[in-house]
Amino acid sequence: MGTEVSTIQELLPLVEKCGLSVVLLFLFIKFAYIQWRAVSKGELVPRAMLDRALADNDRLQDILDKERAAFTQPTLEVLQRQRLKADHSANSGNDEDRGGQPCGVLFKRLSP
């Protein structure tokens, strides 16, 4: 307990000089760095637990992939059987009337 009080006493002149928010920001950054380093080294979470979680994730992803394949198979079969054509006439310069009004007509109505 005595060391905590002495640490606080050492920080008080810095707080008076720089401000409380700067000191708290510095302490937060230091804490975040320590936590990040602990996670990356495996000190915070045991490596065995992480490996088990990754294995469970892989197993569940395989199950989801099988379900997705079974769900999308009928749709793929329909699309392969019908051999749908692409609409190439839309970009060929065909100026057929598609039911809309030209922009100029709209602007003439809006202007007084």
PDB file of N, CA and C in Angstrom:
ATOM      1  N   MET A   1       0.827  -1.193   0.000  1.00  0.00           N
ATOM      2  CA  MET A   1       0.000   0.000   0.000  1.00  0.00           C
ATOM      3  C   MET A   1       0.869   1.253   0.000  1.00  0.00           C
ATOM      4  N   GLY A   2       2.012   1.178   0.672  1.00  0.00           N
ATOM      5  CA  GLY A   2       2.896   2.324   0.731  1.00  0.00           C
ATOM      6  C   GLY A   2       3.457   2.696  -0.627  1.00  0.00           C
ATOM      7  N   THR A   3       3.696   1.699  -1.483  1.00  0.00           N
ATOM      8  CA  THR A   3       4.249   1.996  -2.800  1.00  0.00           C
ATOM      9  C   THR A   3       3.216   2.667  -3.699  1.00  0.00           C
ATOM     10  N   GLU A   4       1.944   2.317  -3.521  1.00  0.00           N
ATOM     11  CA  GLU A   4       0.892   2.951  -4.317  1.00  0.00           C
ATOM     12  C   GLU A   4       0.777   4.435  -3.978  1.00  0.00           C
ATOM     13  N   VAL A   5       0.879   4.747  -2.673  1.00  0.00           N
ATOM     14  CA  VAL A   5       0.797   6.137  -2.246  1.00  0.00           C
ATOM     15  C   VAL A   5       1.992   6.926  -2.772  1.00  0.00           C
ATOM     16  N   SER A   6       3.166   6.309  -2.735  1.00  0.00           N
ATOM     17  CA  SER A   6       4.338   7.021  -3.237  1.00  0.00           C
ATOM     18  C   SER A   6       4.260   7.216  -4.756  1.00  0.00           C
ATOM     19  N   THR A   7       3.695   6.245  -5.445  1.00  0.00           N
ATOM     20  CA  THR A   7       3.514   6.392  -6.898  1.00  0.00           C
ATOM     21  C   THR A   7       2.549   7.527  -7.199  1.00  0.00           C
ATOM     22  N   ILE A   8       1.477   7.606  -6.428  1.00  0.00           N
ATOM     23  CA  ILE A   8       0.508   8.690  -6.620  1.00  0.00           C
ATOM     24  C   ILE A   8       1.149  10.038  -6.301  1.00  0.00           C
ATOM     25  N   GLN A   9       1.965  10.073  -5.255  1.00  0.00           N
ATOM     26  CA  GLN A   9       2.647  11.323  -4.898  1.00  0.00           C
ATOM     27  C   GLN A   9       3.621  11.761  -5.991  1.00  0.00           C
ATOM     28  N   GLU A  10       4.223  10.798  -6.687  1.00  0.00           N
ATOM     29  CA  GLU A  10       5.123  11.141  -7.790  1.00  0.00           C
ATOM     30  C   GLU A  10       4.350  11.659  -8.996  1.00  0.00           C
ATOM     31  N   LEU A  11       3.121  11.197  -9.176  1.00  0.00           N
ATOM     32  CA  LEU A  11       2.319  11.618 -10.324  1.00  0.00           C
ATOM     33  C   LEU A  11       1.652  12.976 -10.119  1.00  0.00           C
ATOM     34  N   LEU A  12       1.462  13.380  -8.870  1.00  0.00           N
ATOM     35  CA  LEU A  12       0.751  14.633  -8.605  1.00  0.00           C
ATOM     36  C   LEU A  12       1.416  15.858  -9.230  1.00  0.00           C
ATOM     37  N   PRO A  13       2.735  16.021  -9.177  1.00  0.00           N
ATOM     38  CA  PRO A  13       3.336  17.184  -9.855  1.00  0.00           C
ATOM     39  C   PRO A  13       3.123  17.141 -11.372  1.00  0.00           C
ATOM     40  N   LEU A  14       3.129  15.942 -11.934  1.00  0.00           N
ATOM     41  CA  LEU A  14       2.892  15.809 -13.374  1.00  0.00           C
ATOM     42  C   LEU A  14       1.456  16.188 -13.719  1.00  0.00           C
ATOM     43  N   VAL A  15       0.517  15.807 -12.849  1.00  0.00           N
ATOM     44  CA  VAL A  15      -0.887  16.159 -13.069  1.00  0.00           C
ATOM     45  C   VAL A  15      -1.064  17.668 -12.997  1.00  0.00           C
ATOM     46  N   GLU A  16      -0.400  18.304 -12.046  1.00  0.00           N
ATOM     47  CA  GLU A  16      -0.507  19.761 -11.930  1.00  0.00           C
ATOM     48  C   GLU A  16       0.109  20.458 -13.134  1.00  0.00           C
ATOM     49  N   LYS A  17       1.173  19.891 -13.659  1.00  0.00           N
ATOM     50  CA  LYS A  17       1.868  20.518 -14.775  1.00  0.00           C
ATOM     51  C   LYS A  17       1.123  20.309 -16.104  1.00  0.00           C
ATOM     52  N   CYS A  18       0.737  19.056 -16.416  1.00  0.00           N
ATOM     53  CA  CYS A  18       0.159  18.721 -17.731  1.00  0.00           C
ATOM     54  C   CYS A  18      -1.364  18.693 -17.735  1.00  0.00           C
ATOM     55  N   GLY A  19      -1.948  18.362 -16.638  1.00  0.00           N
ATOM     56  CA  GLY A  19      -3.389  18.233 -16.587  1.00  0.00           C
ATOM     57  C   GLY A  19      -3.778  16.781 -16.345  1.00  0.00           C
ATOM     58  N   LEU A  20      -4.913  16.606 -15.733  1.00  0.00           N
ATOM     59  CA  LEU A  20      -5.375  15.274 -15.365  1.00  0.00           C
ATOM     60  C   LEU A  20      -5.698  14.432 -16.595  1.00  0.00           C
ATOM     61  N   SER A  21      -6.303  15.029 -17.612  1.00  0.00           N
ATOM     62  CA  SER A  21      -6.712  14.254 -18.783  1.00  0.00           C
ATOM     63  C   SER A  21      -5.508  13.687 -19.527  1.00  0.00           C
ATOM     64  N   VAL A  22      -4.422  14.429 -19.607  1.00  0.00           N
ATOM     65  CA  VAL A  22      -3.218  13.938 -20.291  1.00  0.00           C
ATOM     66  C   VAL A  22      -2.629  12.755 -19.539  1.00  0.00           C
ATOM     67  N   VAL A  23      -2.581  12.843 -18.232  1.00  0.00           N
ATOM     68  CA  VAL A  23      -2.024  11.756 -17.429  1.00  0.00           C
ATOM     69  C   VAL A  23      -2.915  10.519 -17.531  1.00  0.00           C
ATOM     70  N   LEU A  24      -4.238  10.720 -17.454  1.00  0.00           N
ATOM     71  CA  LEU A  24      -5.147   9.577 -17.581  1.00  0.00           C
ATOM     72  C   LEU A  24      -5.060   8.943 -18.965  1.00  0.00           C
ATOM     73  N   LEU A  25      -4.895   9.749 -19.996  1.00  0.00           N
ATOM     74  CA  LEU A  25      -4.733   9.213 -21.350  1.00  0.00           C
ATOM     75  C   LEU A  25      -3.468   8.379 -21.445  1.00  0.00           C
ATOM     76  N   PHE A  26      -2.385   8.873 -20.890  1.00  0.00           N
ATOM     77  CA  PHE A  26      -1.131   8.130 -20.889  1.00  0.00           C
ATOM     78  C   PHE A  26      -1.289   6.796 -20.157  1.00  0.00           C
ATOM     79  N   LEU A  27      -1.943   6.804 -18.998  1.00  0.00           N
ATOM     80  CA  LEU A  27      -2.156   5.571 -18.244  1.00  0.00           C
ATOM     81  C   LEU A  27      -3.041   4.593 -19.008  1.00  0.00           C
ATOM     82  N   PHE A  28      -4.067   5.098 -19.699  1.00  0.00           N
ATOM     83  CA  PHE A  28      -4.938   4.226 -20.485  1.00  0.00           C
ATOM     84  C   PHE A  28      -4.176   3.583 -21.639  1.00  0.00           C
ATOM     85  N   ILE A  29      -3.347   4.363 -22.318  1.00  0.00           N
ATOM     86  CA  ILE A  29      -2.565   3.818 -23.432  1.00  0.00           C
ATOM     87  C   ILE A  29      -1.607   2.741 -22.926  1.00  0.00           C
ATOM     88  N   LYS A  30      -0.992   2.995 -21.784  1.00  0.00           N
ATOM     89  CA  LYS A  30      -0.080   2.010 -21.211  1.00  0.00           C
ATOM     90  C   LYS A  30      -0.839   0.732 -20.839  1.00  0.00           C
ATOM     91  N   PHE A  31      -2.012   0.866 -20.238  1.00  0.00           N
ATOM     92  CA  PHE A  31      -2.825  -0.289 -19.867  1.00  0.00           C
ATOM     93  C   PHE A  31      -3.251  -1.074 -21.107  1.00  0.00           C
ATOM     94  N   ALA A  32      -3.684  -0.382 -22.152  1.00  0.00           N
ATOM     95  CA  ALA A  32      -4.112  -1.052 -23.377  1.00  0.00           C
ATOM     96  C   ALA A  32      -2.953  -1.808 -24.019  1.00  0.00           C
ATOM     97  N   TYR A  33      -1.767  -1.213 -24.002  1.00  0.00           N
ATOM     98  CA  TYR A  33      -0.585  -1.881 -24.570  1.00  0.00           C
ATOM     99  C   TYR A  33      -0.251  -3.144 -23.786  1.00  0.00           C
ATOM    100  N   ILE A  34      -0.321  -3.066 -22.466  1.00  0.00           N
ATOM    101  CA  ILE A  34      -0.024  -4.235 -21.626  1.00  0.00           C
ATOM    102  C   ILE A  34      -1.030  -5.352 -21.899  1.00  0.00           C
ATOM    103  N   GLN A  35      -2.310  -5.009 -22.017  1.00  0.00           N
ATOM    104  CA  GLN A  35      -3.334  -6.020 -22.291  1.00  0.00           C
ATOM    105  C   GLN A  35      -3.138  -6.634 -23.677  1.00  0.00           C
ATOM    106  N   TRP A  36      -2.847  -5.811 -24.668  1.00  0.00           N
ATOM    107  CA  TRP A  36      -2.633  -6.315 -26.026  1.00  0.00           C
ATOM    108  C   TRP A  36      -1.446  -7.268 -26.066  1.00  0.00           C
ATOM    109  N   ARG A  37      -0.391  -6.903 -25.370  1.00  0.00           N
ATOM    110  CA  ARG A  37       0.809  -7.746 -25.332  1.00  0.00           C
ATOM    111  C   ARG A  37       0.526  -9.061 -24.621  1.00  0.00           C
ATOM    112  N   ALA A  38      -0.257  -9.024 -23.545  1.00  0.00           N
ATOM    113  CA  ALA A  38      -0.600 -10.243 -22.814  1.00  0.00           C
ATOM    114  C   ALA A  38      -1.435 -11.181 -23.686  1.00  0.00           C
ATOM    115  N   VAL A  39      -2.343 -10.626 -24.443  1.00  0.00           N
ATOM    116  CA  VAL A  39      -3.164 -11.456 -25.330  1.00  0.00           C
ATOM    117  C   VAL A  39      -2.308 -12.057 -26.434  1.00  0.00           C
ATOM    118  N   SER A  40      -1.420 -11.269 -27.019  1.00  0.00           N
ATOM    119  CA  SER A  40      -0.595 -11.774 -28.119  1.00  0.00           C
ATOM    120  C   SER A  40       0.397 -12.839 -27.660  1.00  0.00           C
ATOM    121  N   LYS A  41       0.852 -12.763 -26.428  1.00  0.00           N
ATOM    122  CA  LYS A  41       1.783 -13.771 -25.911  1.00  0.00           C
ATOM    123  C   LYS A  41       1.071 -14.995 -25.357  1.00  0.00           C
ATOM    124  N   GLY A  42      -0.225 -14.921 -25.156  1.00  0.00           N
ATOM    125  CA  GLY A  42      -0.959 -16.053 -24.605  1.00  0.00           C
ATOM    126  C   GLY A  42      -0.978 -16.079 -23.098  1.00  0.00           C
ATOM    127  N   GLU A  43      -0.630 -14.980 -22.466  1.00  0.00           N
ATOM    128  CA  GLU A  43      -0.630 -14.923 -21.008  1.00  0.00           C
ATOM    129  C   GLU A  43      -2.035 -14.704 -20.453  1.00  0.00           C
ATOM    130  N   LEU A  44      -2.876 -14.020 -21.181  1.00  0.00           N
ATOM    131  CA  LEU A  44      -4.215 -13.710 -20.695  1.00  0.00           C
ATOM    132  C   LEU A  44      -5.166 -14.891 -20.897  1.00  0.00           C
ATOM    133  N   VAL A  45      -5.072 -15.529 -22.045  1.00  0.00           N
ATOM    134  CA  VAL A  45      -5.890 -16.697 -22.356  1.00  0.00           C
ATOM    135  C   VAL A  45      -4.932 -17.859 -22.598  1.00  0.00           C
ATOM    136  N   PRO A  46      -5.115 -18.980 -21.897  1.00  0.00           N
ATOM    137  CA  PRO A  46      -4.219 -20.113 -22.124  1.00  0.00           C
ATOM    138  C   PRO A  46      -4.294 -20.601 -23.575  1.00  0.00           C
ATOM    139  N   ARG A  47      -3.176 -21.004 -24.098  1.00  0.00           N
ATOM    140  CA  ARG A  47      -3.087 -21.419 -25.504  1.00  0.00           C
ATOM    141  C   ARG A  47      -3.987 -22.616 -25.785  1.00  0.00           C
ATOM    142  N   ALA A  48      -4.141 -23.515 -24.819  1.00  0.00           N
ATOM    143  CA  ALA A  48      -4.992 -24.694 -25.026  1.00  0.00           C
ATOM    144  C   ALA A  48      -6.445 -24.281 -25.249  1.00  0.00           C
ATOM    145  N   MET A  49      -6.896 -23.293 -24.498  1.00  0.00           N
ATOM    146  CA  MET A  49      -8.275 -22.829 -24.679  1.00  0.00           C
ATOM    147  C   MET A  49      -8.454 -22.170 -26.040  1.00  0.00           C
ATOM    148  N   LEU A  50      -7.467 -21.404 -26.474  1.00  0.00           N
ATOM    149  CA  LEU A  50      -7.545 -20.764 -27.772  1.00  0.00           C
ATOM    150  C   LEU A  50      -7.566 -21.801 -28.888  1.00  0.00           C
ATOM    151  N   ASP A  51      -6.717 -22.827 -28.791  1.00  0.00           N
ATOM    152  CA  ASP A  51      -6.699 -23.885 -29.794  1.00  0.00           C
ATOM    153  C   ASP A  51      -8.028 -24.633 -29.832  1.00  0.00           C
ATOM    154  N   ARG A  52      -8.613 -24.890 -28.662  1.00  0.00           N
ATOM    155  CA  ARG A  52      -9.900 -25.587 -28.621  1.00  0.00           C
ATOM    156  C   ARG A  52     -11.005 -24.728 -29.246  1.00  0.00           C
ATOM    157  N   ALA A  53     -10.968 -23.423 -28.975  1.00  0.00           N
ATOM    158  CA  ALA A  53     -11.969 -22.522 -29.560  1.00  0.00           C
ATOM    159  C   ALA A  53     -11.821 -22.470 -31.086  1.00  0.00           C
ATOM    160  N   LEU A  54     -10.594 -22.440 -31.584  1.00  0.00           N
ATOM    161  CA  LEU A  54     -10.381 -22.436 -33.031  1.00  0.00           C
ATOM    162  C   LEU A  54     -10.827 -23.735 -33.672  1.00  0.00           C
ATOM    163  N   ALA A  55     -10.596 -24.865 -32.999  1.00  0.00           N
ATOM    164  CA  ALA A  55     -11.052 -26.157 -33.523  1.00  0.00           C
ATOM    165  C   ALA A  55     -12.581 -26.204 -33.570  1.00  0.00           C
ATOM    166  N   ASP A  56     -13.241 -25.704 -32.521  1.00  0.00           N
ATOM    167  CA  ASP A  56     -14.704 -25.651 -32.518  1.00  0.00           C
ATOM    168  C   ASP A  56     -15.216 -24.748 -33.635  1.00  0.00           C
ATOM    169  N   ASN A  57     -14.536 -23.639 -33.850  1.00  0.00           N
ATOM    170  CA  ASN A  57     -14.929 -22.724 -34.918  1.00  0.00           C
ATOM    171  C   ASN A  57     -14.825 -23.406 -36.285  1.00  0.00           C
ATOM    172  N   ASP A  58     -13.740 -24.130 -36.521  1.00  0.00           N
ATOM    173  CA  ASP A  58     -13.579 -24.840 -37.790  1.00  0.00           C
ATOM    174  C   ASP A  58     -14.654 -25.905 -37.977  1.00  0.00           C
ATOM    175  N   ARG A  59     -14.952 -26.638 -36.909  1.00  0.00           N
ATOM    176  CA  ARG A  59     -15.969 -27.682 -36.986  1.00  0.00           C
ATOM    177  C   ARG A  59     -17.341 -27.088 -37.299  1.00  0.00           C
ATOM    178  N   LEU A  60     -17.693 -26.008 -36.627  1.00  0.00           N
ATOM    179  CA  LEU A  60     -18.992 -25.371 -36.874  1.00  0.00           C
ATOM    180  C   LEU A  60     -19.053 -24.752 -38.262  1.00  0.00           C
ATOM    181  N   GLN A  61     -17.941 -24.221 -38.755  1.00  0.00           N
ATOM    182  CA  GLN A  61     -17.923 -23.654 -40.106  1.00  0.00           C
ATOM    183  C   GLN A  61     -18.141 -24.742 -41.149  1.00  0.00           C
ATOM    184  N   ASP A  62     -17.581 -25.934 -40.931  1.00  0.00           N
ATOM    185  CA  ASP A  62     -17.813 -27.052 -41.849  1.00  0.00           C
ATOM    186  C   ASP A  62     -19.281 -27.448 -41.869  1.00  0.00           C
ATOM    187  N   ILE A  63     -19.914 -27.463 -40.692  1.00  0.00           N
ATOM    188  CA  ILE A  63     -21.342 -27.790 -40.624  1.00  0.00           C
ATOM    189  C   ILE A  63     -22.156 -26.753 -41.385  1.00  0.00           C
ATOM    190  N   LEU A  64     -21.850 -25.476 -41.199  1.00  0.00           N
ATOM    191  CA  LEU A  64     -22.572 -24.421 -41.915  1.00  0.00           C
ATOM    192  C   LEU A  64     -22.361 -24.506 -43.422  1.00  0.00           C
ATOM    193  N   ASP A  65     -21.161 -24.843 -43.849  1.00  0.00           N
ATOM    194  CA  ASP A  65     -20.903 -24.990 -45.285  1.00  0.00           C
ATOM    195  C   ASP A  65     -21.723 -26.125 -45.890  1.00  0.00           C
ATOM    196  N   LYS A  66     -21.853 -27.233 -45.171  1.00  0.00           N
ATOM    197  CA  LYS A  66     -22.671 -28.356 -45.658  1.00  0.00           C
ATOM    198  C   LYS A  66     -24.138 -27.951 -45.752  1.00  0.00           C
ATOM    199  N   GLU A  67     -24.635 -27.253 -44.732  1.00  0.00           N
ATOM    200  CA  GLU A  67     -26.036 -26.809 -44.766  1.00  0.00           C
ATOM    201  C   GLU A  67     -26.264 -25.816 -45.894  1.00  0.00           C
ATOM    202  N   ARG A  68     -25.330 -24.930 -46.108  1.00  0.00           N
ATOM    203  CA  ARG A  68     -25.462 -23.937 -47.173  1.00  0.00           C
ATOM    204  C   ARG A  68     -25.455 -24.610 -48.540  1.00  0.00           C
ATOM    205  N   ALA A  69     -24.611 -25.611 -48.710  1.00  0.00           N
ATOM    206  CA  ALA A  69     -24.552 -26.327 -49.982  1.00  0.00           C
ATOM    207  C   ALA A  69     -25.863 -27.063 -50.240  1.00  0.00           C
ATOM    208  N   ALA A  70     -26.425 -27.683 -49.193  1.00  0.00           N
ATOM    209  CA  ALA A  70     -27.700 -28.387 -49.351  1.00  0.00           C
ATOM    210  C   ALA A  70     -28.834 -27.404 -49.643  1.00  0.00           C
ATOM    211  N   PHE A  71     -28.766 -26.216 -49.090  1.00  0.00           N
ATOM    212  CA  PHE A  71     -29.818 -25.222 -49.287  1.00  0.00           C
ATOM    213  C   PHE A  71     -29.754 -24.597 -50.681  1.00  0.00           C
ATOM    214  N   THR A  72     -28.558 -24.346 -51.186  1.00  0.00           N
ATOM    215  CA  THR A  72     -28.433 -23.671 -52.478  1.00  0.00           C
ATOM    216  C   THR A  72     -28.409 -24.627 -53.665  1.00  0.00           C
ATOM    217  N   GLN A  73     -28.320 -25.924 -53.430  1.00  0.00           N
ATOM    218  CA  GLN A  73     -28.247 -26.887 -54.528  1.00  0.00           C
ATOM    219  C   GLN A  73     -29.468 -26.821 -55.447  1.00  0.00           C
ATOM    220  N   PRO A  74     -30.724 -26.795 -54.941  1.00  0.00           N
ATOM    221  CA  PRO A  74     -31.874 -26.704 -55.856  1.00  0.00           C
ATOM    222  C   PRO A  74     -31.847 -25.437 -56.720  1.00  0.00           C
ATOM    223  N   THR A  75     -31.424 -24.335 -56.164  1.00  0.00           N
ATOM    224  CA  THR A  75     -31.361 -23.093 -56.929  1.00  0.00           C
ATOM    225  C   THR A  75     -30.318 -23.193 -58.034  1.00  0.00           C
ATOM    226  N   LEU A  76     -29.182 -23.767 -57.737  1.00  0.00           N
ATOM    227  CA  LEU A  76     -28.142 -23.935 -58.751  1.00  0.00           C
ATOM    228  C   LEU A  76     -28.604 -24.865 -59.873  1.00  0.00           C
ATOM    229  N   GLU A  77     -29.338 -25.923 -59.517  1.00  0.00           N
ATOM    230  CA  GLU A  77     -29.826 -26.848 -60.547  1.00  0.00           C
ATOM    231  C   GLU A  77     -30.806 -26.152 -61.479  1.00  0.00           C
ATOM    232  N   VAL A  78     -31.692 -25.321 -60.950  1.00  0.00           N
ATOM    233  CA  VAL A  78     -32.665 -24.604 -61.783  1.00  0.00           C
ATOM    234  C   VAL A  78     -31.941 -23.653 -62.728  1.00  0.00           C
ATOM    235  N   LEU A  79     -30.973 -22.928 -62.222  1.00  0.00           N
ATOM    236  CA  LEU A  79     -30.249 -21.982 -63.062  1.00  0.00           C
ATOM    237  C   LEU A  79     -29.427 -22.690 -64.134  1.00  0.00           C
ATOM    238  N   GLN A  80     -28.880 -23.841 -63.833  1.00  0.00           N
ATOM    239  CA  GLN A  80     -28.094 -24.570 -64.819  1.00  0.00           C
ATOM    240  C   GLN A  80     -28.980 -25.189 -65.890  1.00  0.00           C
ATOM    241  N   ARG A  81     -30.180 -25.628 -65.527  1.00  0.00           N
ATOM    242  CA  ARG A  81     -31.087 -26.239 -66.501  1.00  0.00           C
ATOM    243  C   ARG A  81     -31.669 -25.232 -67.469  1.00  0.00           C
ATOM    244  N   GLN A  82     -31.976 -24.036 -66.999  1.00  0.00           N
ATOM    245  CA  GLN A  82     -32.673 -23.070 -67.841  1.00  0.00           C
ATOM    246  C   GLN A  82     -31.757 -22.353 -68.809  1.00  0.00           C
ATOM    247  N   ARG A  83     -30.487 -22.294 -68.528  1.00  0.00           N
ATOM    248  CA  ARG A  83     -29.520 -21.587 -69.378  1.00  0.00           C
ATOM    249  C   ARG A  83     -30.062 -20.210 -69.760  1.00  0.00           C
ATOM    250  N   LEU A  84     -30.195 -19.365 -68.770  1.00  0.00           N
ATOM    251  CA  LEU A  84     -30.766 -18.039 -68.959  1.00  0.00           C
ATOM    252  C   LEU A  84     -29.885 -17.202 -69.874  1.00  0.00           C
ATOM    253  N   LYS A  85     -30.527 -16.406 -70.727  1.00  0.00           N
ATOM    254  CA  LYS A  85     -29.816 -15.539 -71.652  1.00  0.00           C
ATOM    255  C   LYS A  85     -29.579 -14.172 -71.003  1.00  0.00           C
ATOM    256  N   ALA A  86     -28.482 -13.570 -71.358  1.00  0.00           N
ATOM    257  CA  ALA A  86     -28.210 -12.208 -70.910  1.00  0.00           C
ATOM    258  C   ALA A  86     -28.888 -11.241 -71.863  1.00  0.00           C
ATOM    259  N   ASP A  87     -29.368 -10.123 -71.362  1.00  0.00           N
ATOM    260  CA  ASP A  87     -30.026  -9.113 -72.177  1.00  0.00           C
ATOM    261  C   ASP A  87     -28.966  -8.177 -72.752  1.00  0.00           C
ATOM    262  N   HIS A  88     -28.545  -8.465 -73.991  1.00  0.00           N
ATOM    263  CA  HIS A  88     -27.523  -7.650 -74.632  1.00  0.00           C
ATOM    264  C   HIS A  88     -28.123  -6.470 -75.382  1.00  0.00           C
ATOM    265  N   SER A  89     -29.443  -6.444 -75.547  1.00  0.00           N
ATOM    266  CA  SER A  89     -30.057  -5.371 -76.320  1.00  0.00           C
ATOM    267  C   SER A  89     -30.105  -4.049 -75.549  1.00  0.00           C
ATOM    268  N   ALA A  90     -29.935  -4.074 -74.251  1.00  0.00           N
ATOM    269  CA  ALA A  90     -30.014  -2.844 -73.464  1.00  0.00           C
ATOM    270  C   ALA A  90     -28.840  -1.918 -73.766  1.00  0.00           C
ATOM    271  N   ASN A  91     -27.703  -2.462 -74.127  1.00  0.00           N
ATOM    272  CA  ASN A  91     -26.528  -1.639 -74.369  1.00  0.00           C
ATOM    273  C   ASN A  91     -26.204  -1.486 -75.858  1.00  0.00           C
ATOM    274  N   SER A  92     -27.101  -1.912 -76.718  1.00  0.00           N
ATOM    275  CA  SER A  92     -26.784  -1.901 -78.154  1.00  0.00           C
ATOM    276  C   SER A  92     -27.170  -0.593 -78.837  1.00  0.00           C
ATOM    277  N   GLY A  93     -27.612   0.386 -78.107  1.00  0.00           N
ATOM    278  CA  GLY A  93     -27.993   1.649 -78.726  1.00  0.00           C
ATOM    279  C   GLY A  93     -29.459   1.678 -79.130  1.00  0.00           C
ATOM    280  N   ASN A  94     -30.247   0.738 -78.697  1.00  0.00           N
ATOM    281  CA  ASN A  94     -31.669   0.687 -79.007  1.00  0.00           C
ATOM    282  C   ASN A  94     -32.373   1.802 -78.239  1.00  0.00           C
ATOM    283  N   ASP A  95     -33.040   2.687 -78.935  1.00  0.00           N
ATOM    284  CA  ASP A  95     -33.698   3.834 -78.302  1.00  0.00           C
ATOM    285  C   ASP A  95     -35.196   3.618 -78.180  1.00  0.00           C
ATOM    286  N   GLU A  96     -35.632   2.439 -77.846  1.00  0.00           N
ATOM    287  CA  GLU A  96     -37.064   2.186 -77.725  1.00  0.00           C
ATOM    288  C   GLU A  96     -37.630   2.950 -76.532  1.00  0.00           C
ATOM    289  N   ASP A  97     -38.897   3.251 -76.593  1.00  0.00           N
ATOM    290  CA  ASP A  97     -39.565   3.982 -75.526  1.00  0.00           C
ATOM    291  C   ASP A  97     -39.815   3.027 -74.371  1.00  0.00           C
ATOM    292  N   ARG A  98     -39.304   3.362 -73.217  1.00  0.00           N
ATOM    293  CA  ARG A  98     -39.481   2.498 -72.052  1.00  0.00           C
ATOM    294  C   ARG A  98     -40.508   3.073 -71.084  1.00  0.00           C
ATOM    295  N   GLY A  99     -41.288   4.037 -71.469  1.00  0.00           N
ATOM    296  CA  GLY A  99     -42.401   4.515 -70.659  1.00  0.00           C
ATOM    297  C   GLY A  99     -42.109   5.704 -69.789  1.00  0.00           C
ATOM    298  N   GLY A 100     -40.935   6.249 -69.803  1.00  0.00           N
ATOM    299  CA  GLY A 100     -40.624   7.404 -68.969  1.00  0.00           C
ATOM    300  C   GLY A 100     -40.680   8.680 -69.779  1.00  0.00           C
ATOM    301  N   GLN A 101     -40.547   9.797 -69.100  1.00  0.00           N
ATOM    302  CA  GLN A 101     -40.527  11.075 -69.792  1.00  0.00           C
ATOM    303  C   GLN A 101     -39.095  11.591 -69.829  1.00  0.00           C
ATOM    304  N   PRO A 102     -38.732  12.265 -70.891  1.00  0.00           N
ATOM    305  CA  PRO A 102     -37.389  12.833 -70.948  1.00  0.00           C
ATOM    306  C   PRO A 102     -37.208  13.900 -69.870  1.00  0.00           C
ATOM    307  N   CYS A 103     -35.990  14.125 -69.497  1.00  0.00           N
ATOM    308  CA  CYS A 103     -35.698  15.083 -68.428  1.00  0.00           C
ATOM    309  C   CYS A 103     -36.149  16.493 -68.795  1.00  0.00           C
ATOM    310  N   GLY A 104     -36.056  16.872 -70.049  1.00  0.00           N
ATOM    311  CA  GLY A 104     -36.441  18.210 -70.468  1.00  0.00           C
ATOM    312  C   GLY A 104     -37.900  18.494 -70.201  1.00  0.00           C
ATOM    313  N   VAL A 105     -38.763  17.490 -70.357  1.00  0.00           N
ATOM    314  CA  VAL A 105     -40.197  17.681 -70.111  1.00  0.00           C
ATOM    315  C   VAL A 105     -40.428  17.950 -68.630  1.00  0.00           C
ATOM    316  N   LEU A 106     -39.740  17.255 -67.773  1.00  0.00           N
ATOM    317  CA  LEU A 106     -39.906  17.475 -66.334  1.00  0.00           C
ATOM    318  C   LEU A 106     -39.448  18.873 -65.934  1.00  0.00           C
ATOM    319  N   PHE A 107     -38.346  19.345 -66.497  1.00  0.00           N
ATOM    320  CA  PHE A 107     -37.847  20.664 -66.146  1.00  0.00           C
ATOM    321  C   PHE A 107     -38.763  21.759 -66.675  1.00  0.00           C
ATOM    322  N   LYS A 108     -39.397  21.555 -67.819  1.00  0.00           N
ATOM    323  CA  LYS A 108     -40.317  22.565 -68.345  1.00  0.00           C
ATOM    324  C   LYS A 108     -41.540  22.693 -67.440  1.00  0.00           C
ATOM    325  N   ARG A 109     -42.018  21.585 -66.880  1.00  0.00           N
ATOM    326  CA  ARG A 109     -43.186  21.651 -66.003  1.00  0.00           C
ATOM    327  C   ARG A 109     -42.841  22.333 -64.682  1.00  0.00           C
ATOM    328  N   LEU A 110     -41.627  22.144 -64.173  1.00  0.00           N
ATOM    329  CA  LEU A 110     -41.276  22.691 -62.872  1.00  0.00           C
ATOM    330  C   LEU A 110     -40.968  24.180 -62.940  1.00  0.00           C
ATOM    331  N   SER A 111     -40.487  24.645 -64.073  1.00  0.00           N
ATOM    332  CA  SER A 111     -40.164  26.064 -64.174  1.00  0.00           C
ATOM    333  C   SER A 111     -41.429  26.877 -64.429  1.00  0.00           C
ATOM    334  N   PRO A 112     -41.524  28.100 -63.864  1.00  0.00           N
ATOM    335  CA  PRO A 112     -42.760  28.915 -64.006  1.00  0.00           C
ATOM    336  C   PRO A 112     -42.910  29.540 -65.361  1.00  0.00           C
TER     337      PRO A 112
END
